[in-house]
Amino acid sequence: METEQNRVSKWAVHRRIYDWMLHWADTPYGFYALILLSFAESSFFPIPPDVLLIALVMSCTTRWKRYALACTLASVLGGLAGYGIGVFAWETMGRWIVENVAHVELVAVDGRLDIALPRYLTESLGPRLGGEYLFQVYDAWNAWIVFVFGLTPLPYKLTTITAGVARVNVPVFLVASMLSRGCRFFVVAWILSKWGEPAKVFIDKYFNLLCIVFTVLLVGGFVVLSFM
């Protein structure tokens, strides 16, 4: 079992990485750092690019579209690298990233390693989700999972690597990634460009909750349309 000291140590490391990411916003290389970090986060880097995206948009709100587009494209390309890890290196690199970078526990379910989904997802989306474990949901929904989970606070590297393990169709994977990451980054950047510092404070405080609410509303809309 993880000790309190280990949890504090992990948080300290994440805090240093978080601060290191933010410092790029005050340099001439912030835009390029955003591209590299967005790519890396989709396959192995622990901190989401939203941190630097928010800082860059706040420093120049007129460039919000440029930053959101760069973040989206780099994240999708990085997602393809994560997909490759799932296909070719799951037993070595992939499992290690899931357990040690994403800090997600793998459990044996029906003879294979799987990942228990957060309660907020299983409770909000209900039986239509297809199960309480990630690969059960892939079995039911395939690439839709890439789209839905790409909007949530779940580590995106977890989605891209497991999509490779599940052998999601590559073109469909790329389209689903582009849509989900584009929605997430463009919405955040647009809100910041419109409302500035108050929006930043609100997003910083309620980011995970906002992602969950947005995902539930979006998926709920698709469910309603399917019955019309």
Protein backbone atom coordinates (compact mmCIF):
# COMPACT_ATOMS: atom_id res chain seq x y z
CA MET A 1 0.00 0.00 0.00
CA GLU A 2 1.25 3.49 -0.84
CA THR A 3 2.45 5.41 2.22
CA GLU A 4 1.68 9.04 3.03
CA GLN A 5 5.37 9.87 2.56
CA ASN A 6 5.34 8.39 -0.95
CA ARG A 7 2.21 10.35 -1.86
CA VAL A 8 3.81 13.58 -0.63
CA SER A 9 6.99 12.78 -2.54
CA LYS A 10 5.05 12.17 -5.78
CA TRP A 11 3.14 15.43 -5.32
CA ALA A 12 6.44 17.31 -4.78
CA VAL A 13 7.82 15.92 -8.04
CA HIS A 14 4.62 16.80 -9.92
CA ARG A 15 4.69 20.31 -8.41
CA ARG A 16 8.24 20.87 -9.65
CA ILE A 17 7.29 19.65 -13.14
CA TYR A 18 4.18 21.88 -13.04
CA ASP A 19 6.28 24.94 -12.13
CA TRP A 20 8.86 24.04 -14.77
CA MET A 21 6.12 23.92 -17.41
CA LEU A 22 4.73 27.29 -16.35
CA HIS A 23 8.11 29.02 -16.60
CA TRP A 24 8.12 28.48 -20.37
CA ALA A 25 5.25 30.96 -20.71
CA ASP A 26 7.67 33.73 -19.67
CA THR A 27 10.26 32.83 -22.31
CA PRO A 28 10.44 33.36 -26.09
CA TYR A 29 10.12 29.58 -26.48
CA GLY A 30 6.69 29.20 -24.89
CA PHE A 31 4.91 28.32 -28.15
CA TYR A 32 7.44 25.63 -29.05
CA ALA A 33 7.40 24.28 -25.51
CA LEU A 34 3.61 23.98 -25.78
CA ILE A 35 3.98 21.87 -28.92
CA LEU A 36 6.60 19.56 -27.42
CA LEU A 37 4.79 19.14 -24.09
CA SER A 38 1.44 18.53 -25.80
CA PHE A 39 3.06 15.79 -27.87
CA ALA A 40 4.83 14.24 -24.89
CA GLU A 41 1.79 14.29 -22.59
CA SER A 42 -0.16 12.12 -25.00
CA SER A 43 2.27 9.25 -24.59
CA PHE A 44 4.44 9.57 -21.47
CA PHE A 45 4.62 13.05 -19.85
CA PRO A 46 2.70 13.37 -16.54
CA ILE A 47 1.28 16.94 -16.62
CA PRO A 48 -1.49 17.94 -19.10
CA PRO A 49 -0.65 20.77 -21.55
CA ASP A 50 -3.62 22.83 -20.34
CA VAL A 51 -1.28 24.28 -17.71
CA LEU A 52 0.94 25.98 -20.29
CA LEU A 53 -1.92 26.62 -22.72
CA ILE A 54 -3.76 28.68 -20.08
CA ALA A 55 -0.64 30.68 -19.24
CA LEU A 56 0.13 31.43 -22.90
CA VAL A 57 -3.42 32.46 -23.76
CA MET A 58 -3.50 34.75 -20.72
CA SER A 59 -0.25 36.37 -21.88
CA CYS A 60 -1.69 37.12 -25.34
CA THR A 61 -5.42 36.49 -25.72
CA THR A 62 -5.44 37.47 -29.41
CA ARG A 63 -3.40 34.32 -30.19
CA TRP A 64 -5.79 31.90 -28.51
CA LYS A 65 -6.68 30.13 -31.77
CA ARG A 66 -3.03 29.61 -32.68
CA TYR A 67 -2.22 28.16 -29.27
CA ALA A 68 -5.30 25.90 -29.21
CA LEU A 69 -4.61 24.59 -32.73
CA ALA A 70 -0.95 23.88 -31.98
CA CYS A 71 -1.90 22.14 -28.74
CA THR A 72 -4.49 20.02 -30.55
CA LEU A 73 -2.29 18.92 -33.46
CA ALA A 74 0.69 18.12 -31.24
CA SER A 75 -1.52 16.18 -28.84
CA VAL A 76 -3.00 14.09 -31.65
CA LEU A 77 0.45 13.29 -33.07
CA GLY A 78 1.67 12.40 -29.60
CA GLY A 79 -1.41 10.24 -29.23
CA LEU A 80 -0.32 8.29 -32.29
CA ALA A 81 3.01 7.65 -30.55
CA GLY A 82 1.09 6.46 -27.49
CA TYR A 83 -0.99 4.19 -29.72
CA GLY A 84 2.24 2.71 -31.06
CA ILE A 85 3.41 2.00 -27.51
CA GLY A 86 0.17 0.12 -26.90
CA VAL A 87 0.60 -1.95 -30.05
CA PHE A 88 4.31 -2.71 -29.91
CA ALA A 89 5.47 -2.20 -26.32
CA TRP A 90 2.52 -2.78 -23.97
CA GLU A 91 4.20 -5.46 -21.88
CA THR A 92 7.27 -3.33 -21.29
CA MET A 93 6.98 0.41 -21.75
CA GLY A 94 3.17 0.68 -21.89
CA ARG A 95 2.41 -1.02 -18.60
CA TRP A 96 5.19 0.92 -16.88
CA ILE A 97 3.80 4.28 -18.08
CA VAL A 98 0.26 3.38 -17.03
CA GLU A 99 1.34 2.30 -13.55
CA ASN A 100 4.17 4.75 -12.81
CA VAL A 101 3.39 7.89 -14.80
CA ALA A 102 -0.41 7.84 -15.03
CA HIS A 103 -0.50 6.19 -11.57
CA VAL A 104 -3.29 3.83 -12.58
CA GLU A 105 -3.52 0.35 -11.11
CA LEU A 106 -3.86 -2.61 -13.45
CA VAL A 107 -6.10 -5.43 -12.22
CA ALA A 108 -6.84 -8.88 -13.60
CA VAL A 109 -10.35 -9.09 -15.10
CA ASP A 110 -11.58 -12.01 -17.20
CA GLY A 111 -8.05 -13.28 -17.76
CA ARG A 112 -6.51 -9.98 -18.87
CA LEU A 113 -5.12 -6.88 -17.22
CA ASP A 114 -7.66 -4.09 -17.13
CA ILE A 115 -8.26 -0.69 -15.53
CA ALA A 116 -11.12 0.16 -13.19
CA LEU A 117 -12.90 3.31 -14.34
CA PRO A 118 -13.51 6.25 -11.97
CA ARG A 119 -16.83 6.16 -10.15
CA TYR A 120 -17.88 9.53 -11.58
CA LEU A 121 -17.82 7.99 -15.07
CA THR A 122 -19.58 4.74 -14.26
CA GLU A 123 -22.25 6.53 -12.21
CA SER A 124 -22.85 9.43 -14.62
CA LEU A 125 -22.88 7.39 -17.84
CA GLY A 126 -24.52 4.28 -16.35
CA PRO A 127 -25.01 0.85 -17.99
CA ARG A 128 -24.64 2.33 -21.47
CA LEU A 129 -20.92 2.66 -20.76
CA GLY A 130 -20.56 -1.09 -21.27
CA GLY A 131 -18.77 -2.06 -18.07
CA GLU A 132 -16.76 -0.86 -15.11
CA TYR A 133 -13.37 -1.60 -16.66
CA LEU A 134 -11.64 0.13 -19.55
CA PHE A 135 -11.18 -2.76 -21.98
CA GLN A 136 -14.76 -3.89 -21.37
CA VAL A 137 -15.82 -0.43 -22.55
CA TYR A 138 -13.49 -0.65 -25.56
CA ASP A 139 -15.17 -3.95 -26.45
CA ALA A 140 -18.53 -2.17 -26.45
CA TRP A 141 -17.70 1.22 -27.94
CA ASN A 142 -14.26 1.06 -29.58
CA ALA A 143 -13.15 4.49 -30.90
CA TRP A 144 -15.98 6.34 -29.17
CA ILE A 145 -13.99 5.78 -25.98
CA VAL A 146 -11.07 7.73 -27.43
CA PHE A 147 -13.41 10.63 -28.13
CA VAL A 148 -15.17 10.60 -24.76
CA PHE A 149 -12.11 9.99 -22.57
CA GLY A 150 -10.13 12.59 -24.52
CA LEU A 151 -12.47 15.19 -23.02
CA THR A 152 -12.19 14.01 -19.43
CA PRO A 153 -9.55 14.63 -16.73
CA LEU A 154 -8.26 11.07 -17.28
CA PRO A 155 -4.59 11.09 -18.40
CA TYR A 156 -4.73 11.13 -22.20
CA LYS A 157 -1.72 8.83 -22.40
CA LEU A 158 -3.88 6.22 -20.67
CA THR A 159 -6.40 6.49 -23.52
CA THR A 160 -3.88 6.46 -26.36
CA ILE A 161 -1.82 3.55 -25.07
CA THR A 162 -4.83 1.39 -24.27
CA ALA A 163 -6.38 2.26 -27.65
CA GLY A 164 -3.31 0.65 -29.19
CA VAL A 165 -3.73 -2.42 -27.01
CA ALA A 166 -7.39 -2.60 -28.07
CA ARG A 167 -6.37 -2.18 -31.73
CA VAL A 168 -8.74 0.69 -32.40
CA ASN A 169 -8.85 1.49 -36.14
CA VAL A 170 -6.03 4.01 -36.72
CA PRO A 171 -7.85 6.53 -38.99
CA VAL A 172 -10.86 6.46 -36.67
CA PHE A 173 -8.53 6.88 -33.69
CA LEU A 174 -6.99 9.98 -35.28
CA VAL A 175 -10.38 11.54 -36.09
CA ALA A 176 -11.70 10.82 -32.59
CA SER A 177 -8.53 12.27 -31.06
CA MET A 178 -8.71 15.40 -33.20
CA LEU A 179 -12.34 16.02 -32.26
CA SER A 180 -11.95 15.43 -28.54
CA ARG A 181 -8.68 17.28 -28.06
CA GLY A 182 -9.83 20.11 -30.30
CA CYS A 183 -13.04 20.51 -28.29
CA ARG A 184 -11.13 20.56 -25.03
CA PHE A 185 -8.35 22.98 -25.96
CA PHE A 186 -10.38 25.36 -28.11
CA VAL A 187 -13.12 25.68 -25.49
CA VAL A 188 -10.60 26.43 -22.73
CA ALA A 189 -8.69 28.93 -24.87
CA TRP A 190 -11.87 30.65 -26.09
CA ILE A 191 -13.23 31.08 -22.56
CA LEU A 192 -9.94 32.61 -21.44
CA SER A 193 -9.86 34.96 -24.42
CA LYS A 194 -13.37 36.20 -23.59
CA TRP A 195 -13.26 36.53 -19.80
CA GLY A 196 -9.58 36.71 -18.92
CA GLU A 197 -8.36 36.44 -15.34
CA PRO A 198 -11.75 35.59 -13.72
CA ALA A 199 -12.08 32.69 -16.17
CA LYS A 200 -8.53 31.53 -15.36
CA VAL A 201 -9.26 31.46 -11.63
CA PHE A 202 -12.51 29.57 -12.23
CA ILE A 203 -10.90 27.03 -14.61
CA ASP A 204 -7.94 26.46 -12.26
CA LYS A 205 -10.33 25.73 -9.40
CA TYR A 206 -12.94 23.62 -11.18
CA PHE A 207 -11.09 22.21 -14.22
CA ASN A 208 -11.79 18.52 -13.51
CA LEU A 209 -15.43 19.19 -12.69
CA LEU A 210 -15.89 21.27 -15.85
CA CYS A 211 -14.42 18.46 -17.97
CA ILE A 212 -16.78 15.93 -16.41
CA VAL A 213 -19.86 18.13 -16.82
CA PHE A 214 -18.97 18.96 -20.43
CA THR A 215 -18.44 15.28 -21.25
CA VAL A 216 -21.68 14.18 -19.62
CA LEU A 217 -23.66 16.89 -21.42
CA LEU A 218 -22.05 16.08 -24.77
CA VAL A 219 -22.52 12.33 -24.48
CA GLY A 220 -26.03 12.85 -23.15
CA GLY A 221 -26.81 14.90 -26.23
CA PHE A 222 -25.68 12.08 -28.51
CA VAL A 223 -27.82 9.62 -26.53
CA VAL A 224 -30.88 11.85 -26.91
CA LEU A 225 -30.26 12.21 -30.65
CA SER A 226 -29.99 8.43 -31.03
CA PHE A 227 -33.61 8.09 -29.83
CA MET A 228 -34.99 10.81 -32.12
